[in-house]
PDB file of all heavy atoms in Angstrom:
ATOM      1  N   GLY A   1      -8.547 -17.389 -14.096  1.00  0.00           N
ATOM      2  CA  GLY A   1      -8.789 -16.014 -14.541  1.00  0.00           C
ATOM      3  C   GLY A   1      -9.256 -15.107 -13.422  1.00  0.00           C
ATOM      4  O   GLY A   1      -8.853 -13.943 -13.333  1.00  0.00           O
ATOM      5  N   LEU A   2     -10.098 -15.636 -12.524  1.00  0.00           N
ATOM      6  CA  LEU A   2     -10.559 -14.835 -11.397  1.00  0.00           C
ATOM      7  C   LEU A   2      -9.419 -14.518 -10.437  1.00  0.00           C
ATOM      8  O   LEU A   2      -9.345 -13.409  -9.899  1.00  0.00           O
ATOM      9  CB  LEU A   2     -11.690 -15.556 -10.661  1.00  0.00           C
ATOM     10  CG  LEU A   2     -13.010 -15.653 -11.420  1.00  0.00           C
ATOM     11  CD1 LEU A   2     -14.002 -16.495 -10.627  1.00  0.00           C
ATOM     12  CD2 LEU A   2     -13.574 -14.286 -11.700  1.00  0.00           C
ATOM     13  N   TRP A   3      -8.533 -15.473 -10.202  1.00  0.00           N
ATOM     14  CA  TRP A   3      -7.409 -15.227  -9.302  1.00  0.00           C
ATOM     15  C   TRP A   3      -6.441 -14.206  -9.879  1.00  0.00           C
ATOM     16  O   TRP A   3      -5.922 -13.365  -9.151  1.00  0.00           O
ATOM     17  CB  TRP A   3      -6.677 -16.515  -8.959  1.00  0.00           C
ATOM     18  CG  TRP A   3      -7.354 -17.244  -7.856  1.00  0.00           C
ATOM     19  CD1 TRP A   3      -8.072 -18.392  -7.956  1.00  0.00           C
ATOM     20  CD2 TRP A   3      -7.411 -16.848  -6.482  1.00  0.00           C
ATOM     21  NE1 TRP A   3      -8.572 -18.727  -6.727  1.00  0.00           N
ATOM     22  CE2 TRP A   3      -8.181 -17.809  -5.808  1.00  0.00           C
ATOM     23  CE3 TRP A   3      -6.897 -15.783  -5.768  1.00  0.00           C
ATOM     24  CZ2 TRP A   3      -8.440 -17.730  -4.442  1.00  0.00           C
ATOM     25  CZ3 TRP A   3      -7.161 -15.713  -4.418  1.00  0.00           C
ATOM     26  CH2 TRP A   3      -7.915 -16.675  -3.761  1.00  0.00           C
ATOM     27  N   ILE A   4      -6.198 -14.297 -11.177  1.00  0.00           N
ATOM     28  CA  ILE A   4      -5.314 -13.306 -11.815  1.00  0.00           C
ATOM     29  C   ILE A   4      -5.911 -11.912 -11.665  1.00  0.00           C
ATOM     30  O   ILE A   4      -5.229 -10.951 -11.310  1.00  0.00           O
ATOM     31  CB  ILE A   4      -5.089 -13.648 -13.299  1.00  0.00           C
ATOM     32  CG1 ILE A   4      -4.268 -14.923 -13.437  1.00  0.00           C
ATOM     33  CG2 ILE A   4      -4.415 -12.498 -14.046  1.00  0.00           C
ATOM     34  CD1 ILE A   4      -2.869 -14.824 -12.935  1.00  0.00           C
ATOM     35  N   GLY A   5      -7.206 -11.774 -11.911  1.00  0.00           N
ATOM     36  CA  GLY A   5      -7.863 -10.480 -11.771  1.00  0.00           C
ATOM     37  C   GLY A   5      -7.853  -9.972 -10.342  1.00  0.00           C
ATOM     38  O   GLY A   5      -7.570  -8.804 -10.087  1.00  0.00           O
ATOM     39  N   LEU A   6      -8.142 -10.851  -9.386  1.00  0.00           N
ATOM     40  CA  LEU A   6      -8.175 -10.443  -7.981  1.00  0.00           C
ATOM     41  C   LEU A   6      -6.794 -10.030  -7.481  1.00  0.00           C
ATOM     42  O   LEU A   6      -6.652  -9.014  -6.803  1.00  0.00           O
ATOM     43  CB  LEU A   6      -8.735 -11.580  -7.121  1.00  0.00           C
ATOM     44  CG  LEU A   6      -8.936 -11.262  -5.652  1.00  0.00           C
ATOM     45  CD1 LEU A   6     -10.006 -10.188  -5.497  1.00  0.00           C
ATOM     46  CD2 LEU A   6      -9.321 -12.510  -4.894  1.00  0.00           C
ATOM     47  N   VAL A   7      -5.777 -10.788  -7.833  1.00  0.00           N
ATOM     48  CA  VAL A   7      -4.411 -10.442  -7.413  1.00  0.00           C
ATOM     49  C   VAL A   7      -3.974  -9.122  -8.038  1.00  0.00           C
ATOM     50  O   VAL A   7      -3.340  -8.289  -7.377  1.00  0.00           O
ATOM     51  CB  VAL A   7      -3.441 -11.589  -7.757  1.00  0.00           C
ATOM     52  CG1 VAL A   7      -2.005 -11.154  -7.646  1.00  0.00           C
ATOM     53  CG2 VAL A   7      -3.701 -12.782  -6.858  1.00  0.00           C
ATOM     54  N   THR A   8      -4.324  -8.896  -9.289  1.00  0.00           N
ATOM     55  CA  THR A   8      -3.974  -7.634  -9.948  1.00  0.00           C
ATOM     56  C   THR A   8      -4.646  -6.450  -9.267  1.00  0.00           C
ATOM     57  O   THR A   8      -4.016  -5.408  -9.041  1.00  0.00           O
ATOM     58  CB  THR A   8      -4.371  -7.690 -11.432  1.00  0.00           C
ATOM     59  OG1 THR A   8      -3.772  -8.836 -12.037  1.00  0.00           O
ATOM     60  CG2 THR A   8      -3.921  -6.444 -12.162  1.00  0.00           C
ATOM     61  N   ILE A   9      -5.917  -6.595  -8.903  1.00  0.00           N
ATOM     62  CA  ILE A   9      -6.624  -5.510  -8.222  1.00  0.00           C
ATOM     63  C   ILE A   9      -6.015  -5.237  -6.854  1.00  0.00           C
ATOM     64  O   ILE A   9      -5.801  -4.082  -6.474  1.00  0.00           O
ATOM     65  CB  ILE A   9      -8.132  -5.834  -8.117  1.00  0.00           C
ATOM     66  CG1 ILE A   9      -8.776  -5.759  -9.497  1.00  0.00           C
ATOM     67  CG2 ILE A   9      -8.832  -4.884  -7.163  1.00  0.00           C
ATOM     68  CD1 ILE A   9     -10.206  -6.236  -9.542  1.00  0.00           C
ATOM     69  N   VAL A  10      -5.699  -6.296  -6.101  1.00  0.00           N
ATOM     70  CA  VAL A  10      -5.118  -6.118  -4.772  1.00  0.00           C
ATOM     71  C   VAL A  10      -3.752  -5.438  -4.858  1.00  0.00           C
ATOM     72  O   VAL A  10      -3.455  -4.504  -4.102  1.00  0.00           O
ATOM     73  CB  VAL A  10      -5.019  -7.472  -4.033  1.00  0.00           C
ATOM     74  CG1 VAL A  10      -4.165  -7.364  -2.792  1.00  0.00           C
ATOM     75  CG2 VAL A  10      -6.401  -7.978  -3.677  1.00  0.00           C
ATOM     76  N   VAL A  11      -2.922  -5.877  -5.786  1.00  0.00           N
ATOM     77  CA  VAL A  11      -1.583  -5.280  -5.935  1.00  0.00           C
ATOM     78  C   VAL A  11      -1.692  -3.816  -6.362  1.00  0.00           C
ATOM     79  O   VAL A  11      -0.954  -2.957  -5.857  1.00  0.00           O
ATOM     80  CB  VAL A  11      -0.735  -6.094  -6.940  1.00  0.00           C
ATOM     81  CG1 VAL A  11       0.515  -5.352  -7.356  1.00  0.00           C
ATOM     82  CG2 VAL A  11      -0.381  -7.441  -6.333  1.00  0.00           C
ATOM     83  N   THR A  12      -2.621  -3.502  -7.252  1.00  0.00           N
ATOM     84  CA  THR A  12      -2.786  -2.128  -7.706  1.00  0.00           C
ATOM     85  C   THR A  12      -3.282  -1.221  -6.577  1.00  0.00           C
ATOM     86  O   THR A  12      -2.797  -0.094  -6.409  1.00  0.00           O
ATOM     87  CB  THR A  12      -3.760  -2.075  -8.893  1.00  0.00           C
ATOM     88  OG1 THR A  12      -3.335  -2.995  -9.883  1.00  0.00           O
ATOM     89  CG2 THR A  12      -3.811  -0.695  -9.486  1.00  0.00           C
ATOM     90  N   ILE A  13      -4.223  -1.706  -5.771  1.00  0.00           N
ATOM     91  CA  ILE A  13      -4.717  -0.903  -4.651  1.00  0.00           C
ATOM     92  C   ILE A  13      -3.627  -0.716  -3.598  1.00  0.00           C
ATOM     93  O   ILE A  13      -3.483   0.368  -3.026  1.00  0.00           O
ATOM     94  CB  ILE A  13      -5.998  -1.525  -4.063  1.00  0.00           C
ATOM     95  CG1 ILE A  13      -7.142  -1.349  -5.060  1.00  0.00           C
ATOM     96  CG2 ILE A  13      -6.367  -0.886  -2.733  1.00  0.00           C
ATOM     97  CD1 ILE A  13      -8.418  -2.046  -4.667  1.00  0.00           C
ATOM     98  N   MET A  14      -2.843  -1.747  -3.336  1.00  0.00           N
ATOM     99  CA  MET A  14      -1.740  -1.610  -2.381  1.00  0.00           C
ATOM    100  C   MET A  14      -0.696  -0.614  -2.891  1.00  0.00           C
ATOM    101  O   MET A  14      -0.144   0.159  -2.109  1.00  0.00           O
ATOM    102  CB  MET A  14      -1.096  -2.970  -2.104  1.00  0.00           C
ATOM    103  CG  MET A  14      -1.973  -3.897  -1.296  1.00  0.00           C
ATOM    104  SD  MET A  14      -2.493  -3.206   0.278  1.00  0.00           S
ATOM    105  CE  MET A  14      -0.940  -3.056   1.102  1.00  0.00           C
ATOM    106  N   ALA A  15      -0.423  -0.634  -4.192  1.00  0.00           N
ATOM    107  CA  ALA A  15       0.511   0.351  -4.755  1.00  0.00           C
ATOM    108  C   ALA A  15      -0.034   1.764  -4.603  1.00  0.00           C
ATOM    109  O   ALA A  15       0.716   2.705  -4.310  1.00  0.00           O
ATOM    110  CB  ALA A  15       0.770   0.037  -6.227  1.00  0.00           C
ATOM    111  N   GLY A  16      -1.341   1.934  -4.772  1.00  0.00           N
ATOM    112  CA  GLY A  16      -1.955   3.238  -4.558  1.00  0.00           C
ATOM    113  C   GLY A  16      -1.865   3.686  -3.114  1.00  0.00           C
ATOM    114  O   GLY A  16      -1.618   4.858  -2.832  1.00  0.00           O
ATOM    115  N   CYS A  17      -2.052   2.749  -2.179  1.00  0.00           N
ATOM    116  CA  CYS A  17      -1.925   3.091  -0.752  1.00  0.00           C
ATOM    117  C   CYS A  17      -0.498   3.507  -0.410  1.00  0.00           C
ATOM    118  O   CYS A  17      -0.283   4.482   0.319  1.00  0.00           O
ATOM    119  CB  CYS A  17      -2.343   1.901   0.107  1.00  0.00           C
ATOM    120  SG  CYS A  17      -4.104   1.570   0.078  1.00  0.00           S
ATOM    121  N   ILE A  18       0.473   2.793  -0.937  1.00  0.00           N
ATOM    122  CA  ILE A  18       1.881   3.133  -0.677  1.00  0.00           C
ATOM    123  C   ILE A  18       2.221   4.491  -1.277  1.00  0.00           C
ATOM    124  O   ILE A  18       2.891   5.317  -0.634  1.00  0.00           O
ATOM    125  CB  ILE A  18       2.800   2.023  -1.207  1.00  0.00           C
ATOM    126  CG1 ILE A  18       2.620   0.759  -0.361  1.00  0.00           C
ATOM    127  CG2 ILE A  18       4.258   2.461  -1.213  1.00  0.00           C
ATOM    128  CD1 ILE A  18       3.282  -0.472  -0.938  1.00  0.00           C
ATOM    129  N   ALA A  19       1.759   4.755  -2.495  1.00  0.00           N
ATOM    130  CA  ALA A  19       2.024   6.056  -3.120  1.00  0.00           C
ATOM    131  C   ALA A  19       1.357   7.187  -2.350  1.00  0.00           C
ATOM    132  O   ALA A  19       1.922   8.280  -2.228  1.00  0.00           O
ATOM    133  CB  ALA A  19       1.535   6.044  -4.570  1.00  0.00           C
ATOM    134  N   THR A  20       0.192   6.932  -1.789  1.00  0.00           N
ATOM    135  CA  THR A  20      -0.492   7.952  -0.989  1.00  0.00           C
ATOM    136  C   THR A  20       0.267   8.244   0.290  1.00  0.00           C
ATOM    137  O   THR A  20       0.409   9.411   0.683  1.00  0.00           O
ATOM    138  CB  THR A  20      -1.927   7.498  -0.672  1.00  0.00           C
ATOM    139  OG1 THR A  20      -2.607   7.242  -1.905  1.00  0.00           O
ATOM    140  CG2 THR A  20      -2.667   8.546   0.104  1.00  0.00           C
ATOM    141  N   VAL A  21       0.774   7.210   0.944  1.00  0.00           N
ATOM    142  CA  VAL A  21       1.569   7.416   2.161  1.00  0.00           C
ATOM    143  C   VAL A  21       2.837   8.203   1.838  1.00  0.00           C
ATOM    144  O   VAL A  21       3.230   9.109   2.586  1.00  0.00           O
ATOM    145  CB  VAL A  21       1.892   6.067   2.829  1.00  0.00           C
ATOM    146  CG1 VAL A  21       2.941   6.219   3.910  1.00  0.00           C
ATOM    147  CG2 VAL A  21       0.636   5.447   3.394  1.00  0.00           C
ATOM    148  N   VAL A  22       3.457   7.899   0.716  1.00  0.00           N
ATOM    149  CA  VAL A  22       4.655   8.635   0.317  1.00  0.00           C
ATOM    150  C   VAL A  22       4.312  10.103   0.026  1.00  0.00           C
ATOM    151  O   VAL A  22       5.088  11.001   0.368  1.00  0.00           O
ATOM    152  CB  VAL A  22       5.329   7.965  -0.903  1.00  0.00           C
ATOM    153  CG1 VAL A  22       6.416   8.834  -1.491  1.00  0.00           C
ATOM    154  CG2 VAL A  22       5.892   6.616  -0.513  1.00  0.00           C
ATOM    155  N   SER A  23       3.143  10.351  -0.560  1.00  0.00           N
ATOM    156  CA  SER A  23       2.763  11.744  -0.834  1.00  0.00           C
ATOM    157  C   SER A  23       2.521  12.522   0.460  1.00  0.00           C
ATOM    158  O   SER A  23       2.827  13.707   0.528  1.00  0.00           O
ATOM    159  CB  SER A  23       1.522  11.801  -1.723  1.00  0.00           C
ATOM    160  OG  SER A  23       0.363  11.457  -1.009  1.00  0.00           O
ATOM    161  N   PHE A  24       1.979  11.863   1.490  1.00  0.00           N
ATOM    162  CA  PHE A  24       1.847  12.530   2.789  1.00  0.00           C
ATOM    163  C   PHE A  24       3.216  12.764   3.415  1.00  0.00           C
ATOM    164  O   PHE A  24       3.460  13.797   4.036  1.00  0.00           O
ATOM    165  CB  PHE A  24       0.978  11.696   3.747  1.00  0.00           C
ATOM    166  CG  PHE A  24      -0.486  11.890   3.536  1.00  0.00           C
ATOM    167  CD1 PHE A  24      -1.280  10.825   3.183  1.00  0.00           C
ATOM    168  CD2 PHE A  24      -1.066  13.132   3.696  1.00  0.00           C
ATOM    169  CE1 PHE A  24      -2.635  10.990   2.998  1.00  0.00           C
ATOM    170  CE2 PHE A  24      -2.422  13.305   3.513  1.00  0.00           C
ATOM    171  CZ  PHE A  24      -3.212  12.229   3.153  1.00  0.00           C
ATOM    172  N   TRP A  25       4.106  11.813   3.266  1.00  0.00           N
ATOM    173  CA  TRP A  25       5.443  11.918   3.854  1.00  0.00           C
ATOM    174  C   TRP A  25       6.255  13.038   3.203  1.00  0.00           C
ATOM    175  O   TRP A  25       7.008  13.745   3.874  1.00  0.00           O
ATOM    176  CB  TRP A  25       6.160  10.571   3.707  1.00  0.00           C
ATOM    177  CG  TRP A  25       7.521  10.536   4.277  1.00  0.00           C
ATOM    178  CD1 TRP A  25       7.887  10.705   5.575  1.00  0.00           C
ATOM    179  CD2 TRP A  25       8.724  10.326   3.560  1.00  0.00           C
ATOM    180  NE1 TRP A  25       9.241  10.597   5.712  1.00  0.00           N
ATOM    181  CE2 TRP A  25       9.782  10.361   4.474  1.00  0.00           C
ATOM    182  CE3 TRP A  25       9.025  10.087   2.223  1.00  0.00           C
ATOM    183  CZ2 TRP A  25      11.106  10.191   4.099  1.00  0.00           C
ATOM    184  CZ3 TRP A  25      10.329   9.901   1.853  1.00  0.00           C
ATOM    185  CH2 TRP A  25      11.349   9.964   2.805  1.00  0.00           C
ATOM    186  N   ARG A  26       6.074  13.210   1.887  1.00  0.00           N
ATOM    187  CA  ARG A  26       6.812  14.245   1.171  1.00  0.00           C
ATOM    188  C   ARG A  26       6.177  15.633   1.294  1.00  0.00           C
ATOM    189  O   ARG A  26       6.734  16.600   0.796  1.00  0.00           O
ATOM    190  CB  ARG A  26       6.876  13.895  -0.318  1.00  0.00           C
ATOM    191  CG  ARG A  26       7.847  12.791  -0.616  1.00  0.00           C
ATOM    192  CD  ARG A  26       7.799  12.439  -2.080  1.00  0.00           C
ATOM    193  NE  ARG A  26       7.729  13.628  -2.909  1.00  0.00           N
ATOM    194  CZ  ARG A  26       8.377  13.782  -4.038  1.00  0.00           C
ATOM    195  NH1 ARG A  26       9.145  12.827  -4.480  1.00  0.00           N
ATOM    196  NH2 ARG A  26       8.247  14.871  -4.742  1.00  0.00           N
ATOM    197  N   VAL A  27       5.017  15.742   1.897  1.00  0.00           N
ATOM    198  CA  VAL A  27       4.259  16.990   2.065  1.00  0.00           C
ATOM    199  C   VAL A  27       4.042  17.651   0.695  1.00  0.00           C
ATOM    200  O   VAL A  27       4.455  18.770   0.438  1.00  0.00           O
ATOM    201  CB  VAL A  27       4.949  17.953   3.055  1.00  0.00           C
ATOM    202  CG1 VAL A  27       4.038  19.107   3.416  1.00  0.00           C
ATOM    203  CG2 VAL A  27       5.413  17.235   4.301  1.00  0.00           C
ATOM    204  N   GLU A  28       3.385  16.913  -0.188  1.00  0.00           N
ATOM    205  CA  GLU A  28       3.108  17.429  -1.523  1.00  0.00           C
ATOM    206  C   GLU A  28       1.922  18.385  -1.480  1.00  0.00           C
ATOM    207  O   GLU A  28       1.000  18.215  -0.702  1.00  0.00           O
ATOM    208  CB  GLU A  28       2.816  16.271  -2.482  1.00  0.00           C
ATOM    209  CG  GLU A  28       4.017  15.381  -2.732  1.00  0.00           C
ATOM    210  CD  GLU A  28       3.714  14.256  -3.683  1.00  0.00           C
ATOM    211  OE1 GLU A  28       2.537  13.990  -3.967  1.00  0.00           O
ATOM    212  OE2 GLU A  28       4.671  13.625  -4.143  1.00  0.00           O
ATOM    213  N   HIS A  29       1.972  19.406  -2.346  1.00  0.00           N
ATOM    214  CA  HIS A  29       0.902  20.393  -2.432  1.00  0.00           C
ATOM    215  C   HIS A  29       0.253  20.280  -3.792  1.00  0.00           C
ATOM    216  O   HIS A  29       0.935  20.070  -4.780  1.00  0.00           O
ATOM    217  CB  HIS A  29       1.452  21.813  -2.231  1.00  0.00           C
ATOM    218  CG  HIS A  29       1.948  22.042  -0.852  1.00  0.00           C
ATOM    219  ND1 HIS A  29       1.114  22.164   0.227  1.00  0.00           N
ATOM    220  CD2 HIS A  29       3.203  22.143  -0.363  1.00  0.00           C
ATOM    221  CE1 HIS A  29       1.831  22.355   1.316  1.00  0.00           C
ATOM    222  NE2 HIS A  29       3.117  22.346   0.977  1.00  0.00           N
ATOM    223  N   PRO A  30      -1.025  20.390  -3.953  1.00  0.00           N
ATOM    224  CA  PRO A  30      -2.058  20.683  -2.971  1.00  0.00           C
ATOM    225  C   PRO A  30      -2.375  19.463  -2.108  1.00  0.00           C
ATOM    226  O   PRO A  30      -2.396  18.337  -2.588  1.00  0.00           O
ATOM    227  CB  PRO A  30      -3.270  21.073  -3.817  1.00  0.00           C
ATOM    228  CG  PRO A  30      -3.074  20.371  -5.108  1.00  0.00           C
ATOM    229  CD  PRO A  30      -1.587  20.299  -5.308  1.00  0.00           C
ATOM    230  N   ARG A  31      -2.618  19.706  -0.831  1.00  0.00           N
ATOM    231  CA  ARG A  31      -2.867  18.630   0.126  1.00  0.00           C
ATOM    232  C   ARG A  31      -4.185  17.918  -0.149  1.00  0.00           C
ATOM    233  O   ARG A  31      -4.340  16.759   0.199  1.00  0.00           O
ATOM    234  CB  ARG A  31      -2.888  19.172   1.551  1.00  0.00           C
ATOM    235  CG  ARG A  31      -1.588  19.762   2.021  1.00  0.00           C
ATOM    236  CD  ARG A  31      -0.534  18.744   2.232  1.00  0.00           C
ATOM    237  NE  ARG A  31      -0.844  17.957   3.418  1.00  0.00           N
ATOM    238  CZ  ARG A  31      -0.169  16.896   3.772  1.00  0.00           C
ATOM    239  NH1 ARG A  31       0.848  16.500   3.063  1.00  0.00           N
ATOM    240  NH2 ARG A  31      -0.502  16.226   4.842  1.00  0.00           N
TER     241      ARG A  31
END
């Protein structure tokens, strides 16, 4: 159960980091 939770948190944070990089790349407003 701990591994499932930890992997889910890591994958979700990595998805957030990737989406943030894409938002910088697309020059979305408001900055």
